[in-house]
Amino acid sequence: MQPKLKKLLALQDADRVIMAMEAELEALEPEISLLDGSVQRAEDALVAVRGALEDATTRRQDLETRMETYKVMQERRRQKLEWVRGAKEASALMAEIDLARTVLAKEEADWIRSADEVQEREARVEQGAADVTAEVESQVDRRAEIAKIQEECQSRLAEASEVRKKAAAKVERNLLQVYARIQKGRAPFAMYELHADACGHCFTSVPMHLRQQIGSGEALPTCEACGVLIYQAE
């Protein structure tokens, strides 16, 4: 086997190792996404109940403000009634007081319901916060395992990258450029072994004169169909 072919194969072996490490890391992503999604859903639910609590609190405060206004106005009517002398005016004022009393009673009933609603939503917020904490805590062990796997993979990936760097440095520049260009194509790898009379990647028949050159080591041609480098293994 020609030295340049051996160097290219060494480079491709290094790339295989790197791809395996990257695939191992990538395989963890769906599970990480699931874990993140579970926490996010719990957090979103907490945000929603907090928003509902804020709305209910605002409504209760608005009712309290209105009730205070009605009480002040009602007290003024009572004070006015004390010095009113005309029967007609007094009767009209009493009607206003009765009507205001009815309105105030309704506002007070609404405030009670609003206060109950605030309490209910406060409980929901508390439960939502507990749910977030519980979800996060339930993932601690698995996330630690994943982090350890990632750390080990990253360490091996760094080592493999160094091996790849050294292997690439041994390849002639023009061959390295060809190899890199083919790597960017659709084939998983840049080099494939000749199988009988066909390309090992796409199984397109290789012309006889090219097979002879490949077998003799005179050339390292590319497949006319898929463009990968074709070589003859010993």
C-alpha atoms as a PDB file:
ATOM      1  CA  MET A   1       0.000   0.000   0.000  1.00  0.00           C
ATOM      2  CA  GLN A   2       1.348   3.385  -0.956  1.00  0.00           C
ATOM      3  CA  PRO A   3       2.494   5.679   1.889  1.00  0.00           C
ATOM      4  CA  LYS A   4       0.119   8.464   0.804  1.00  0.00           C
ATOM      5  CA  LEU A   5      -2.796   6.028   0.927  1.00  0.00           C
ATOM      6  CA  LYS A   6      -1.784   4.847   4.383  1.00  0.00           C
ATOM      7  CA  LYS A   7      -1.655   8.446   5.573  1.00  0.00           C
ATOM      8  CA  LEU A   8      -5.104   9.178   4.157  1.00  0.00           C
ATOM      9  CA  LEU A   9      -6.539   6.048   5.750  1.00  0.00           C
ATOM     10  CA  ALA A  10      -4.986   7.026   9.072  1.00  0.00           C
ATOM     11  CA  LEU A  11      -6.645  10.404   8.724  1.00  0.00           C
ATOM     12  CA  GLN A  12      -9.993   8.790   7.937  1.00  0.00           C
ATOM     13  CA  ASP A  13      -9.625   6.438  10.917  1.00  0.00           C
ATOM     14  CA  ALA A  14      -9.136   9.504  13.107  1.00  0.00           C
ATOM     15  CA  ASP A  15     -12.229  11.081  11.573  1.00  0.00           C
ATOM     16  CA  ARG A  16     -14.215   7.906  12.279  1.00  0.00           C
ATOM     17  CA  VAL A  17     -13.283   8.132  15.955  1.00  0.00           C
ATOM     18  CA  ILE A  18     -14.253  11.810  16.078  1.00  0.00           C
ATOM     19  CA  MET A  19     -17.571  11.117  14.363  1.00  0.00           C
ATOM     20  CA  ALA A  20     -18.295   8.349  16.866  1.00  0.00           C
ATOM     21  CA  MET A  21     -17.603  10.718  19.772  1.00  0.00           C
ATOM     22  CA  GLU A  22     -19.769  13.426  18.239  1.00  0.00           C
ATOM     23  CA  ALA A  23     -22.566  10.906  17.631  1.00  0.00           C
ATOM     24  CA  GLU A  24     -22.335   9.801  21.261  1.00  0.00           C
ATOM     25  CA  LEU A  25     -22.703  13.389  22.420  1.00  0.00           C
ATOM     26  CA  GLU A  26     -25.524  14.044  19.966  1.00  0.00           C
ATOM     27  CA  ALA A  27     -27.363  10.959  21.184  1.00  0.00           C
ATOM     28  CA  LEU A  28     -27.709  12.605  24.587  1.00  0.00           C
ATOM     29  CA  GLU A  29     -29.465  15.682  23.192  1.00  0.00           C
ATOM     30  CA  PRO A  30     -33.000  14.206  22.912  1.00  0.00           C
ATOM     31  CA  GLU A  31     -32.953  13.152  26.562  1.00  0.00           C
ATOM     32  CA  ILE A  32     -31.563  16.523  27.624  1.00  0.00           C
ATOM     33  CA  SER A  33     -34.343  18.196  25.634  1.00  0.00           C
ATOM     34  CA  LEU A  34     -36.932  16.036  27.396  1.00  0.00           C
ATOM     35  CA  LEU A  35     -35.528  16.944  30.801  1.00  0.00           C
ATOM     36  CA  ASP A  36     -35.423  20.628  29.892  1.00  0.00           C
ATOM     37  CA  GLY A  37     -38.946  20.412  28.513  1.00  0.00           C
ATOM     38  CA  SER A  38     -40.308  18.921  31.742  1.00  0.00           C
ATOM     39  CA  VAL A  39     -38.791  21.724  33.791  1.00  0.00           C
ATOM     40  CA  GLN A  40     -39.951  24.347  31.296  1.00  0.00           C
ATOM     41  CA  ARG A  41     -43.534  23.091  31.414  1.00  0.00           C
ATOM     42  CA  ALA A  42     -43.529  23.265  35.208  1.00  0.00           C
ATOM     43  CA  GLU A  43     -42.056  26.769  35.076  1.00  0.00           C
ATOM     44  CA  ASP A  44     -44.585  27.873  32.461  1.00  0.00           C
ATOM     45  CA  ALA A  45     -47.411  26.577  34.637  1.00  0.00           C
ATOM     46  CA  LEU A  46     -45.978  28.521  37.572  1.00  0.00           C
ATOM     47  CA  VAL A  47     -45.782  31.701  35.487  1.00  0.00           C
ATOM     48  CA  ALA A  48     -49.412  31.211  34.465  1.00  0.00           C
ATOM     49  CA  VAL A  49     -50.701  30.800  38.034  1.00  0.00           C
ATOM     50  CA  ARG A  50     -48.599  33.753  39.183  1.00  0.00           C
ATOM     51  CA  GLY A  51     -50.194  35.856  36.467  1.00  0.00           C
ATOM     52  CA  ALA A  52     -53.639  34.687  37.560  1.00  0.00           C
ATOM     53  CA  LEU A  53     -52.782  35.567  41.171  1.00  0.00           C
ATOM     54  CA  GLU A  54     -51.648  39.022  40.119  1.00  0.00           C
ATOM     55  CA  ASP A  55     -54.923  39.569  38.251  1.00  0.00           C
ATOM     56  CA  ALA A  56     -56.979  38.391  41.217  1.00  0.00           C
ATOM     57  CA  THR A  57     -54.990  40.582  43.608  1.00  0.00           C
ATOM     58  CA  THR A  58     -55.517  43.592  41.365  1.00  0.00           C
ATOM     59  CA  ARG A  59     -59.270  42.931  41.251  1.00  0.00           C
ATOM     60  CA  ARG A  60     -59.395  42.646  45.032  1.00  0.00           C
ATOM     61  CA  GLN A  61     -57.493  45.911  45.432  1.00  0.00           C
ATOM     62  CA  ASP A  62     -59.816  47.648  42.974  1.00  0.00           C
ATOM     63  CA  LEU A  63     -62.814  46.403  44.946  1.00  0.00           C
ATOM     64  CA  GLU A  64     -61.273  47.619  48.202  1.00  0.00           C
ATOM     65  CA  THR A  65     -60.704  51.053  46.675  1.00  0.00           C
ATOM     66  CA  ARG A  66     -64.280  51.241  45.415  1.00  0.00           C
ATOM     67  CA  MET A  67     -65.649  50.073  48.761  1.00  0.00           C
ATOM     68  CA  GLU A  68     -63.706  52.754  50.601  1.00  0.00           C
ATOM     69  CA  THR A  69     -65.038  55.365  48.190  1.00  0.00           C
ATOM     70  CA  TYR A  70     -68.613  54.142  48.675  1.00  0.00           C
ATOM     71  CA  LYS A  71     -68.206  54.170  52.471  1.00  0.00           C
ATOM     72  CA  VAL A  72     -66.911  57.739  52.434  1.00  0.00           C
ATOM     73  CA  MET A  73     -69.790  58.857  50.218  1.00  0.00           C
ATOM     74  CA  GLN A  74     -72.276  57.004  52.397  1.00  0.00           C
ATOM     75  CA  GLU A  75     -70.962  58.672  55.521  1.00  0.00           C
ATOM     76  CA  ARG A  76     -71.312  62.063  53.868  1.00  0.00           C
ATOM     77  CA  ARG A  77     -74.943  61.258  53.018  1.00  0.00           C
ATOM     78  CA  ARG A  78     -75.658  60.348  56.649  1.00  0.00           C
ATOM     79  CA  GLN A  79     -74.070  63.546  57.853  1.00  0.00           C
ATOM     80  CA  LYS A  80     -76.069  65.537  55.322  1.00  0.00           C
ATOM     81  CA  LEU A  81     -79.261  63.809  56.462  1.00  0.00           C
ATOM     82  CA  GLU A  82     -78.758  65.199  59.982  1.00  0.00           C
ATOM     83  CA  TRP A  83     -79.171  68.805  58.911  1.00  0.00           C
ATOM     84  CA  VAL A  84     -81.672  68.358  56.042  1.00  0.00           C
ATOM     85  CA  ARG A  85     -85.035  69.876  57.044  1.00  0.00           C
ATOM     86  CA  GLY A  86     -87.266  69.357  54.033  1.00  0.00           C
ATOM     87  CA  ALA A  87     -89.176  66.090  53.950  1.00  0.00           C
ATOM     88  CA  LYS A  88     -88.821  65.752  50.202  1.00  0.00           C
ATOM     89  CA  GLU A  89     -85.077  66.275  50.260  1.00  0.00           C
ATOM     90  CA  ALA A  90     -84.724  63.928  53.225  1.00  0.00           C
ATOM     91  CA  SER A  91     -86.740  61.254  51.412  1.00  0.00           C
ATOM     92  CA  ALA A  92     -84.538  61.538  48.335  1.00  0.00           C
ATOM     93  CA  LEU A  93     -81.429  61.344  50.457  1.00  0.00           C
ATOM     94  CA  MET A  94     -82.718  58.250  52.282  1.00  0.00           C
ATOM     95  CA  ALA A  95     -83.364  56.614  48.914  1.00  0.00           C
ATOM     96  CA  GLU A  96     -79.776  57.347  47.924  1.00  0.00           C
ATOM     97  CA  ILE A  97     -78.535  55.887  51.194  1.00  0.00           C
ATOM     98  CA  ASP A  98     -80.605  52.712  50.676  1.00  0.00           C
ATOM     99  CA  LEU A  99     -79.420  52.328  47.112  1.00  0.00           C
ATOM    100  CA  ALA A 100     -75.802  52.928  48.132  1.00  0.00           C
ATOM    101  CA  ARG A 101     -76.201  50.363  50.920  1.00  0.00           C
ATOM    102  CA  THR A 102     -77.335  47.800  48.332  1.00  0.00           C
ATOM    103  CA  VAL A 103     -74.446  48.630  46.052  1.00  0.00           C
ATOM    104  CA  LEU A 104     -71.975  48.436  48.931  1.00  0.00           C
ATOM    105  CA  ALA A 105     -73.373  45.087  50.016  1.00  0.00           C
ATOM    106  CA  LYS A 106     -72.842  43.761  46.496  1.00  0.00           C
ATOM    107  CA  GLU A 107     -69.301  45.147  46.445  1.00  0.00           C
ATOM    108  CA  GLU A 108     -68.578  43.513  49.789  1.00  0.00           C
ATOM    109  CA  ALA A 109     -69.867  40.173  48.501  1.00  0.00           C
ATOM    110  CA  ASP A 110     -67.681  40.547  45.424  1.00  0.00           C
ATOM    111  CA  TRP A 111     -64.717  41.397  47.640  1.00  0.00           C
ATOM    112  CA  ILE A 112     -65.246  38.253  49.718  1.00  0.00           C
ATOM    113  CA  ARG A 113     -65.323  36.129  46.571  1.00  0.00           C
ATOM    114  CA  SER A 114     -62.255  37.969  45.297  1.00  0.00           C
ATOM    115  CA  ALA A 115     -60.423  37.373  48.572  1.00  0.00           C
ATOM    116  CA  ASP A 116     -61.258  33.673  48.369  1.00  0.00           C
ATOM    117  CA  GLU A 117     -60.003  33.615  44.796  1.00  0.00           C
ATOM    118  CA  VAL A 118     -56.727  35.259  45.851  1.00  0.00           C
ATOM    119  CA  GLN A 119     -56.242  32.648  48.566  1.00  0.00           C
ATOM    120  CA  GLU A 120     -56.963  29.841  46.124  1.00  0.00           C
ATOM    121  CA  ARG A 121     -54.487  31.199  43.595  1.00  0.00           C
ATOM    122  CA  GLU A 122     -51.865  31.769  46.273  1.00  0.00           C
ATOM    123  CA  ALA A 123     -52.179  28.079  47.070  1.00  0.00           C
ATOM    124  CA  ARG A 124     -51.794  27.256  43.374  1.00  0.00           C
ATOM    125  CA  VAL A 125     -48.663  29.396  43.161  1.00  0.00           C
ATOM    126  CA  GLU A 126     -47.235  27.632  46.181  1.00  0.00           C
ATOM    127  CA  GLN A 127     -48.025  24.267  44.622  1.00  0.00           C
ATOM    128  CA  GLY A 128     -46.592  25.370  41.276  1.00  0.00           C
ATOM    129  CA  ALA A 129     -43.330  26.433  42.916  1.00  0.00           C
ATOM    130  CA  ALA A 130     -43.194  23.077  44.702  1.00  0.00           C
ATOM    131  CA  ASP A 131     -43.781  21.286  41.393  1.00  0.00           C
ATOM    132  CA  VAL A 132     -40.861  23.141  39.784  1.00  0.00           C
ATOM    133  CA  THR A 133     -38.594  22.274  42.705  1.00  0.00           C
ATOM    134  CA  ALA A 134     -39.696  18.645  42.657  1.00  0.00           C
ATOM    135  CA  GLU A 135     -39.122  18.360  38.891  1.00  0.00           C
ATOM    136  CA  VAL A 136     -35.655  19.880  39.140  1.00  0.00           C
ATOM    137  CA  GLU A 137     -34.713  17.662  42.084  1.00  0.00           C
ATOM    138  CA  SER A 138     -36.002  14.549  40.315  1.00  0.00           C
ATOM    139  CA  GLN A 139     -33.551  15.199  37.473  1.00  0.00           C
ATOM    140  CA  VAL A 140     -30.454  15.860  39.570  1.00  0.00           C
ATOM    141  CA  ASP A 141     -29.046  12.323  39.458  1.00  0.00           C
ATOM    142  CA  ARG A 142     -29.677  11.776  35.757  1.00  0.00           C
ATOM    143  CA  ARG A 143     -28.307  15.173  34.811  1.00  0.00           C
ATOM    144  CA  ALA A 144     -25.177  14.390  36.824  1.00  0.00           C
ATOM    145  CA  GLU A 145     -24.810  11.123  34.896  1.00  0.00           C
ATOM    146  CA  ILE A 146     -25.276  12.908  31.582  1.00  0.00           C
ATOM    147  CA  ALA A 147     -22.759  15.593  32.562  1.00  0.00           C
ATOM    148  CA  LYS A 148     -20.229  12.900  33.423  1.00  0.00           C
ATOM    149  CA  ILE A 149     -20.770  11.160  30.087  1.00  0.00           C
ATOM    150  CA  GLN A 150     -20.419  14.480  28.264  1.00  0.00           C
ATOM    151  CA  GLU A 151     -17.225  15.289  30.128  1.00  0.00           C
ATOM    152  CA  GLU A 152     -15.718  11.901  29.286  1.00  0.00           C
ATOM    153  CA  CYS A 153     -16.768  12.229  25.637  1.00  0.00           C
ATOM    154  CA  GLN A 154     -15.347  15.728  25.394  1.00  0.00           C
ATOM    155  CA  SER A 155     -12.071  14.499  26.848  1.00  0.00           C
ATOM    156  CA  ARG A 156     -11.863  11.635  24.356  1.00  0.00           C
ATOM    157  CA  LEU A 157     -12.927  13.989  21.582  1.00  0.00           C
ATOM    158  CA  ALA A 158     -10.096  16.357  22.444  1.00  0.00           C
ATOM    159  CA  GLU A 159      -7.619  13.471  22.319  1.00  0.00           C
ATOM    160  CA  ALA A 160      -9.051  12.247  19.021  1.00  0.00           C
ATOM    161  CA  SER A 161      -8.827  15.761  17.595  1.00  0.00           C
ATOM    162  CA  GLU A 162      -5.132  15.863  18.455  1.00  0.00           C
ATOM    163  CA  VAL A 163      -4.610  12.510  16.749  1.00  0.00           C
ATOM    164  CA  ARG A 164      -6.493  13.793  13.730  1.00  0.00           C
ATOM    165  CA  LYS A 165      -4.430  16.958  13.641  1.00  0.00           C
ATOM    166  CA  LYS A 166      -1.203  14.964  13.578  1.00  0.00           C
ATOM    167  CA  ALA A 167      -2.563  12.606  10.907  1.00  0.00           C
ATOM    168  CA  ALA A 168      -3.642  15.529   8.726  1.00  0.00           C
ATOM    169  CA  ALA A 169      -0.201  17.109   9.021  1.00  0.00           C
ATOM    170  CA  LYS A 170       1.321  14.035   7.368  1.00  0.00           C
ATOM    171  CA  VAL A 171      -0.927  14.179   4.288  1.00  0.00           C
ATOM    172  CA  GLU A 172       0.193  16.087   1.220  1.00  0.00           C
ATOM    173  CA  ARG A 173      -1.529  19.435   0.931  1.00  0.00           C
ATOM    174  CA  ASN A 174      -3.228  18.771  -2.417  1.00  0.00           C
ATOM    175  CA  LEU A 175      -4.557  15.400  -1.225  1.00  0.00           C
ATOM    176  CA  LEU A 176      -5.735  16.958   2.009  1.00  0.00           C
ATOM    177  CA  GLN A 177      -7.684  19.563   0.054  1.00  0.00           C
ATOM    178  CA  VAL A 178      -9.309  16.868  -2.089  1.00  0.00           C
ATOM    179  CA  TYR A 179     -10.111  14.840   1.020  1.00  0.00           C
ATOM    180  CA  ALA A 180     -11.625  17.877   2.774  1.00  0.00           C
ATOM    181  CA  ARG A 181     -13.725  18.762  -0.263  1.00  0.00           C
ATOM    182  CA  ILE A 182     -15.134  15.243  -0.516  1.00  0.00           C
ATOM    183  CA  GLN A 183     -15.847  15.234   3.223  1.00  0.00           C
ATOM    184  CA  LYS A 184     -18.254  18.111   2.700  1.00  0.00           C
ATOM    185  CA  GLY A 185     -20.307  16.011   0.268  1.00  0.00           C
ATOM    186  CA  ARG A 186     -23.127  13.613   0.992  1.00  0.00           C
ATOM    187  CA  ALA A 187     -21.053  10.500   1.619  1.00  0.00           C
ATOM    188  CA  PRO A 188     -20.359   9.721   5.285  1.00  0.00           C
ATOM    189  CA  PHE A 189     -16.654   9.280   4.514  1.00  0.00           C
ATOM    190  CA  ALA A 190     -14.241  10.505   1.854  1.00  0.00           C
ATOM    191  CA  MET A 191     -12.653   7.140   1.042  1.00  0.00           C
ATOM    192  CA  TYR A 192     -14.220   3.788   0.186  1.00  0.00           C
ATOM    193  CA  GLU A 193     -12.672   0.457  -0.670  1.00  0.00           C
ATOM    194  CA  LEU A 194     -13.114  -1.033  -4.117  1.00  0.00           C
ATOM    195  CA  HIS A 195     -15.555  -3.941  -3.946  1.00  0.00           C
ATOM    196  CA  ALA A 196     -15.021  -6.319  -6.848  1.00  0.00           C
ATOM    197  CA  ASP A 197     -15.519  -3.932  -9.765  1.00  0.00           C
ATOM    198  CA  ALA A 198     -17.653  -1.302  -7.995  1.00  0.00           C
ATOM    199  CA  CYS A 199     -17.373   1.710  -5.724  1.00  0.00           C
ATOM    200  CA  GLY A 200     -17.730   0.708  -2.083  1.00  0.00           C
ATOM    201  CA  HIS A 201     -20.052   3.625  -1.398  1.00  0.00           C
ATOM    202  CA  CYS A 202     -22.547   3.843  -4.257  1.00  0.00           C
ATOM    203  CA  PHE A 203     -21.716   0.476  -5.915  1.00  0.00           C
ATOM    204  CA  THR A 204     -21.379   2.069  -9.320  1.00  0.00           C
ATOM    205  CA  SER A 205     -19.195   0.026 -11.649  1.00  0.00           C
ATOM    206  CA  VAL A 206     -15.633   1.325 -11.934  1.00  0.00           C
ATOM    207  CA  PRO A 207     -14.058   1.224 -15.413  1.00  0.00           C
ATOM    208  CA  MET A 208     -11.423  -1.472 -15.900  1.00  0.00           C
ATOM    209  CA  HIS A 209      -8.567   0.921 -16.576  1.00  0.00           C
ATOM    210  CA  LEU A 210      -9.273   2.694 -13.278  1.00  0.00           C
ATOM    211  CA  ARG A 211      -9.493  -0.624 -11.443  1.00  0.00           C
ATOM    212  CA  GLN A 212      -6.095  -1.549 -12.823  1.00  0.00           C
ATOM    213  CA  GLN A 213      -4.643   1.769 -11.682  1.00  0.00           C
ATOM    214  CA  ILE A 214      -6.209   1.349  -8.272  1.00  0.00           C
ATOM    215  CA  GLY A 215      -4.940  -2.217  -7.961  1.00  0.00           C
ATOM    216  CA  SER A 216      -1.408  -1.280  -8.993  1.00  0.00           C
ATOM    217  CA  GLY A 217      -1.380   1.741  -6.715  1.00  0.00           C
ATOM    218  CA  GLU A 218      -0.753   4.092  -9.621  1.00  0.00           C
ATOM    219  CA  ALA A 219      -3.773   6.280  -8.831  1.00  0.00           C
ATOM    220  CA  LEU A 220      -6.314   7.139  -6.172  1.00  0.00           C
ATOM    221  CA  PRO A 221      -9.256   8.150  -8.366  1.00  0.00           C
ATOM    222  CA  THR A 222     -12.658   9.435  -7.423  1.00  0.00           C
ATOM    223  CA  CYS A 223     -15.894   7.633  -8.214  1.00  0.00           C
ATOM    224  CA  GLU A 224     -17.503   9.041 -11.335  1.00  0.00           C
ATOM    225  CA  ALA A 225     -20.944   8.733  -9.703  1.00  0.00           C
ATOM    226  CA  CYS A 226     -20.577   9.844  -6.075  1.00  0.00           C
ATOM    227  CA  GLY A 227     -17.143  11.449  -6.062  1.00  0.00           C
ATOM    228  CA  VAL A 228     -15.522   9.538  -3.187  1.00  0.00           C
ATOM    229  CA  LEU A 229     -11.906   8.375  -3.320  1.00  0.00           C
ATOM    230  CA  ILE A 230     -11.615   4.705  -4.227  1.00  0.00           C
ATOM    231  CA  TYR A 231      -8.754   2.557  -3.004  1.00  0.00           C
ATOM    232  CA  GLN A 232      -7.735  -1.079  -3.061  1.00  0.00           C
ATOM    233  CA  ALA A 233      -7.162  -2.686   0.312  1.00  0.00           C
ATOM    234  CA  GLU A 234      -4.281  -5.088   0.736  1.00  0.00           C
END
